[in-house]
Amino acid sequence: MMTLDKHPGDQGRPRETLSLREARNLAAKDKANWCIVTLGFDLAVGKMILDQDVRLLSIRDDAGTVLRFPAIQEARQFLRDELGISRTMVVPD
């Protein structure tokens, strides 16, 4: 079962995250709503959850840090190579 760890966001808001292993398991079951979002001056990747609120589950590394990418192409390649996600949306700031 997926676990959600809350880590402080850039503006002090909690951020829900997935480990890379959890993200791979989730991507194997559901290829929809994976996205690239701005995170400060970088980009992050994650899964949008659409329930009562729209939430983003960012992917984190083993140290608990949200994965960051300097360019959209690198973020898309990560999602394609690591999770098998070929269709992503870019969510503007």
N, C-alpha and C. Protein backbone atom coordinates (compact mmCIF):
# COMPACT_ATOMS: atom_id res chain seq x y z
N MET A 1 0.84 -1.18 0.00
CA MET A 1 0.00 0.00 0.00
C MET A 1 0.88 1.24 0.00
N MET A 2 0.43 2.25 -0.71
CA MET A 2 1.17 3.50 -0.82
C MET A 2 1.14 4.26 0.50
N THR A 3 2.29 4.81 0.86
CA THR A 3 2.35 5.67 2.04
C THR A 3 2.68 7.08 1.58
N LEU A 4 2.10 8.04 2.23
CA LEU A 4 2.35 9.43 1.89
C LEU A 4 3.11 10.08 3.03
N ASP A 5 4.27 10.61 2.70
CA ASP A 5 5.05 11.34 3.68
C ASP A 5 4.88 12.81 3.40
N LYS A 6 4.66 13.59 4.42
CA LYS A 6 4.51 15.03 4.24
C LYS A 6 5.84 15.69 4.56
N HIS A 7 6.33 16.47 3.61
CA HIS A 7 7.57 17.23 3.78
C HIS A 7 7.24 18.70 3.60
N PRO A 8 7.95 19.58 4.30
CA PRO A 8 7.66 21.00 4.14
C PRO A 8 7.83 21.45 2.70
N GLY A 9 6.89 22.22 2.20
CA GLY A 9 7.00 22.77 0.86
C GLY A 9 7.86 24.02 0.86
N ASP A 10 8.09 24.56 -0.32
CA ASP A 10 8.93 25.74 -0.44
C ASP A 10 8.38 26.94 0.32
N GLN A 11 7.06 27.05 0.44
CA GLN A 11 6.47 28.18 1.17
C GLN A 11 5.95 27.75 2.53
N GLY A 12 6.45 26.66 3.06
CA GLY A 12 6.03 26.21 4.38
C GLY A 12 4.79 25.35 4.37
N ARG A 13 4.22 25.08 3.17
CA ARG A 13 3.06 24.19 3.10
C ARG A 13 3.54 22.76 3.04
N PRO A 14 2.79 21.84 3.63
CA PRO A 14 3.21 20.45 3.53
C PRO A 14 3.11 19.95 2.09
N ARG A 15 4.01 19.08 1.71
CA ARG A 15 4.01 18.50 0.38
C ARG A 15 3.93 16.99 0.53
N GLU A 16 2.98 16.39 -0.15
CA GLU A 16 2.86 14.94 -0.12
C GLU A 16 3.79 14.37 -1.18
N THR A 17 4.53 13.33 -0.80
CA THR A 17 5.52 12.77 -1.70
C THR A 17 5.39 11.26 -1.81
N LEU A 18 5.95 10.74 -2.89
CA LEU A 18 6.05 9.31 -3.12
C LEU A 18 7.52 8.95 -3.28
N SER A 19 7.92 7.81 -2.76
CA SER A 19 9.25 7.32 -3.06
C SER A 19 9.26 6.88 -4.52
N LEU A 20 10.44 6.71 -5.09
CA LEU A 20 10.53 6.27 -6.47
C LEU A 20 9.89 4.90 -6.64
N ARG A 21 10.08 4.01 -5.69
CA ARG A 21 9.47 2.68 -5.75
C ARG A 21 7.94 2.78 -5.73
N GLU A 22 7.39 3.63 -4.87
CA GLU A 22 5.94 3.83 -4.81
C GLU A 22 5.43 4.43 -6.12
N ALA A 23 6.19 5.37 -6.68
CA ALA A 23 5.80 5.99 -7.95
C ALA A 23 5.78 4.95 -9.07
N ARG A 24 6.78 4.07 -9.09
CA ARG A 24 6.80 3.01 -10.12
C ARG A 24 5.59 2.10 -9.98
N ASN A 25 5.26 1.72 -8.76
CA ASN A 25 4.10 0.85 -8.53
C ASN A 25 2.80 1.54 -8.96
N LEU A 26 2.67 2.82 -8.62
CA LEU A 26 1.48 3.57 -8.99
C LEU A 26 1.39 3.76 -10.50
N ALA A 27 2.51 4.05 -11.14
CA ALA A 27 2.53 4.24 -12.60
C ALA A 27 2.18 2.95 -13.34
N ALA A 28 2.55 1.81 -12.77
CA ALA A 28 2.21 0.53 -13.41
C ALA A 28 0.70 0.30 -13.41
N LYS A 29 0.01 0.87 -12.44
CA LYS A 29 -1.44 0.70 -12.32
C LYS A 29 -2.22 1.81 -13.01
N ASP A 30 -1.64 3.02 -13.06
CA ASP A 30 -2.38 4.18 -13.56
C ASP A 30 -1.44 5.14 -14.27
N LYS A 31 -1.58 5.26 -15.58
CA LYS A 31 -0.72 6.12 -16.39
C LYS A 31 -1.26 7.54 -16.54
N ALA A 32 -2.43 7.81 -16.00
CA ALA A 32 -3.06 9.13 -16.18
C ALA A 32 -2.62 10.14 -15.12
N ASN A 33 -2.65 11.40 -15.50
CA ASN A 33 -2.46 12.54 -14.59
C ASN A 33 -1.06 12.68 -14.00
N TRP A 34 -0.04 12.20 -14.70
CA TRP A 34 1.34 12.48 -14.29
C TRP A 34 1.72 13.82 -14.88
N CYS A 35 2.46 14.62 -14.12
CA CYS A 35 2.69 15.98 -14.58
C CYS A 35 4.06 16.50 -14.16
N ILE A 36 4.37 17.65 -14.74
CA ILE A 36 5.58 18.40 -14.44
C ILE A 36 5.12 19.74 -13.89
N VAL A 37 5.66 20.15 -12.75
CA VAL A 37 5.26 21.41 -12.13
C VAL A 37 6.50 22.23 -11.77
N THR A 38 6.31 23.54 -11.70
CA THR A 38 7.42 24.39 -11.27
C THR A 38 7.60 24.25 -9.77
N LEU A 39 8.86 24.28 -9.35
CA LEU A 39 9.22 24.18 -7.94
C LEU A 39 10.39 25.13 -7.73
N GLY A 40 10.08 26.35 -7.35
CA GLY A 40 11.13 27.37 -7.29
C GLY A 40 11.61 27.66 -8.70
N PHE A 41 12.93 27.58 -8.90
CA PHE A 41 13.50 27.79 -10.23
C PHE A 41 13.64 26.48 -11.01
N ASP A 42 13.27 25.37 -10.40
CA ASP A 42 13.39 24.06 -11.02
C ASP A 42 12.02 23.50 -11.34
N LEU A 43 12.01 22.27 -11.80
CA LEU A 43 10.78 21.55 -12.09
C LEU A 43 10.75 20.28 -11.27
N ALA A 44 9.56 19.86 -10.88
CA ALA A 44 9.37 18.59 -10.18
C ALA A 44 8.38 17.76 -10.98
N VAL A 45 8.37 16.46 -10.72
CA VAL A 45 7.43 15.57 -11.39
C VAL A 45 6.58 14.88 -10.33
N GLY A 46 5.37 14.52 -10.73
CA GLY A 46 4.51 13.85 -9.77
C GLY A 46 3.20 13.41 -10.37
N LYS A 47 2.35 12.95 -9.53
CA LYS A 47 1.03 12.43 -9.90
C LYS A 47 -0.02 13.36 -9.32
N MET A 48 -0.92 13.84 -10.18
CA MET A 48 -2.04 14.65 -9.71
C MET A 48 -3.14 13.73 -9.23
N ILE A 49 -3.63 13.98 -8.05
CA ILE A 49 -4.76 13.24 -7.48
C ILE A 49 -5.95 14.19 -7.49
N LEU A 50 -7.01 13.75 -8.12
CA LEU A 50 -8.20 14.58 -8.24
C LEU A 50 -9.30 13.98 -7.37
N ASP A 51 -9.45 14.52 -6.16
CA ASP A 51 -10.55 14.11 -5.29
C ASP A 51 -11.26 15.38 -4.84
N GLN A 52 -11.55 15.56 -3.57
CA GLN A 52 -12.20 16.81 -3.15
C GLN A 52 -11.33 18.01 -3.49
N ASP A 53 -10.04 17.85 -3.36
CA ASP A 53 -9.06 18.88 -3.73
C ASP A 53 -8.15 18.29 -4.80
N VAL A 54 -7.44 19.15 -5.47
CA VAL A 54 -6.41 18.69 -6.40
C VAL A 54 -5.11 18.66 -5.61
N ARG A 55 -4.49 17.49 -5.56
CA ARG A 55 -3.23 17.34 -4.82
C ARG A 55 -2.16 16.82 -5.76
N LEU A 56 -0.92 17.17 -5.47
CA LEU A 56 0.21 16.67 -6.22
C LEU A 56 1.06 15.80 -5.31
N LEU A 57 1.31 14.58 -5.75
CA LEU A 57 2.22 13.69 -5.04
C LEU A 57 3.56 13.77 -5.76
N SER A 58 4.49 14.56 -5.24
CA SER A 58 5.81 14.72 -5.85
C SER A 58 6.64 13.48 -5.58
N ILE A 59 7.57 13.20 -6.47
CA ILE A 59 8.46 12.05 -6.29
C ILE A 59 9.70 12.51 -5.56
N ARG A 60 10.09 11.72 -4.54
CA ARG A 60 11.27 12.07 -3.73
C ARG A 60 12.34 11.00 -3.88
N ASP A 61 13.56 11.39 -3.55
CA ASP A 61 14.66 10.42 -3.55
C ASP A 61 14.73 9.71 -2.21
N ASP A 62 15.73 8.85 -2.03
CA ASP A 62 15.84 8.08 -0.80
C ASP A 62 16.12 8.94 0.44
N ALA A 63 16.65 10.13 0.22
CA ALA A 63 16.93 11.04 1.33
C ALA A 63 15.71 11.87 1.71
N GLY A 64 14.62 11.73 0.94
CA GLY A 64 13.41 12.48 1.24
C GLY A 64 13.30 13.80 0.53
N THR A 65 14.23 14.10 -0.36
CA THR A 65 14.22 15.35 -1.10
C THR A 65 13.44 15.19 -2.39
N VAL A 66 12.58 16.14 -2.68
CA VAL A 66 11.80 16.10 -3.92
C VAL A 66 12.77 16.18 -5.10
N LEU A 67 12.57 15.27 -6.08
CA LEU A 67 13.40 15.28 -7.27
C LEU A 67 13.16 16.56 -8.05
N ARG A 68 14.25 17.18 -8.51
CA ARG A 68 14.18 18.44 -9.25
C ARG A 68 14.89 18.29 -10.58
N PHE A 69 14.37 18.99 -11.59
CA PHE A 69 14.93 18.93 -12.94
C PHE A 69 15.07 20.35 -13.46
N PRO A 70 16.16 20.63 -14.20
CA PRO A 70 16.36 21.98 -14.71
C PRO A 70 15.58 22.31 -15.97
N ALA A 71 15.10 21.27 -16.69
CA ALA A 71 14.41 21.52 -17.96
C ALA A 71 13.27 20.52 -18.15
N ILE A 72 12.26 20.95 -18.91
CA ILE A 72 11.10 20.09 -19.18
C ILE A 72 11.52 18.80 -19.86
N GLN A 73 12.46 18.89 -20.80
CA GLN A 73 12.88 17.69 -21.52
C GLN A 73 13.45 16.64 -20.58
N GLU A 74 14.22 17.06 -19.59
CA GLU A 74 14.79 16.11 -18.62
C GLU A 74 13.71 15.51 -17.74
N ALA A 75 12.75 16.30 -17.33
CA ALA A 75 11.65 15.79 -16.51
C ALA A 75 10.82 14.77 -17.30
N ARG A 76 10.52 15.09 -18.56
CA ARG A 76 9.77 14.15 -19.41
C ARG A 76 10.54 12.85 -19.63
N GLN A 77 11.83 12.98 -19.85
CA GLN A 77 12.64 11.78 -20.06
C GLN A 77 12.66 10.91 -18.81
N PHE A 78 12.76 11.53 -17.64
CA PHE A 78 12.71 10.77 -16.39
C PHE A 78 11.39 10.00 -16.28
N LEU A 79 10.28 10.68 -16.51
CA LEU A 79 8.97 10.02 -16.43
C LEU A 79 8.86 8.88 -17.43
N ARG A 80 9.39 9.08 -18.62
CA ARG A 80 9.33 8.05 -19.67
C ARG A 80 10.24 6.87 -19.31
N ASP A 81 11.49 7.15 -18.94
CA ASP A 81 12.46 6.09 -18.68
C ASP A 81 12.21 5.34 -17.37
N GLU A 82 11.88 6.07 -16.32
CA GLU A 82 11.75 5.46 -14.99
C GLU A 82 10.36 4.91 -14.70
N LEU A 83 9.32 5.56 -15.26
CA LEU A 83 7.95 5.16 -14.92
C LEU A 83 7.13 4.66 -16.11
N GLY A 84 7.68 4.77 -17.31
CA GLY A 84 6.94 4.35 -18.48
C GLY A 84 5.78 5.27 -18.83
N ILE A 85 5.88 6.52 -18.43
CA ILE A 85 4.83 7.51 -18.70
C ILE A 85 5.22 8.29 -19.95
N SER A 86 4.43 8.17 -21.01
CA SER A 86 4.77 8.85 -22.26
C SER A 86 3.98 10.14 -22.45
N ARG A 87 2.84 10.27 -21.77
CA ARG A 87 2.03 11.48 -21.91
C ARG A 87 2.00 12.21 -20.56
N THR A 88 2.51 13.42 -20.56
CA THR A 88 2.52 14.22 -19.35
C THR A 88 1.94 15.60 -19.63
N MET A 89 1.50 16.24 -18.59
CA MET A 89 1.05 17.63 -18.71
C MET A 89 2.02 18.50 -17.93
N VAL A 90 2.17 19.72 -18.40
CA VAL A 90 2.98 20.70 -17.70
C VAL A 90 2.02 21.67 -17.04
N VAL A 91 2.13 21.77 -15.72
CA VAL A 91 1.23 22.63 -14.95
C VAL A 91 1.95 23.94 -14.68
N PRO A 92 1.44 25.05 -15.21
CA PRO A 92 2.10 26.34 -14.99
C PRO A 92 1.98 26.77 -13.53
N ASP A 93 2.86 27.65 -13.17
CA ASP A 93 2.90 28.19 -11.81
C ASP A 93 1.67 29.01 -11.51
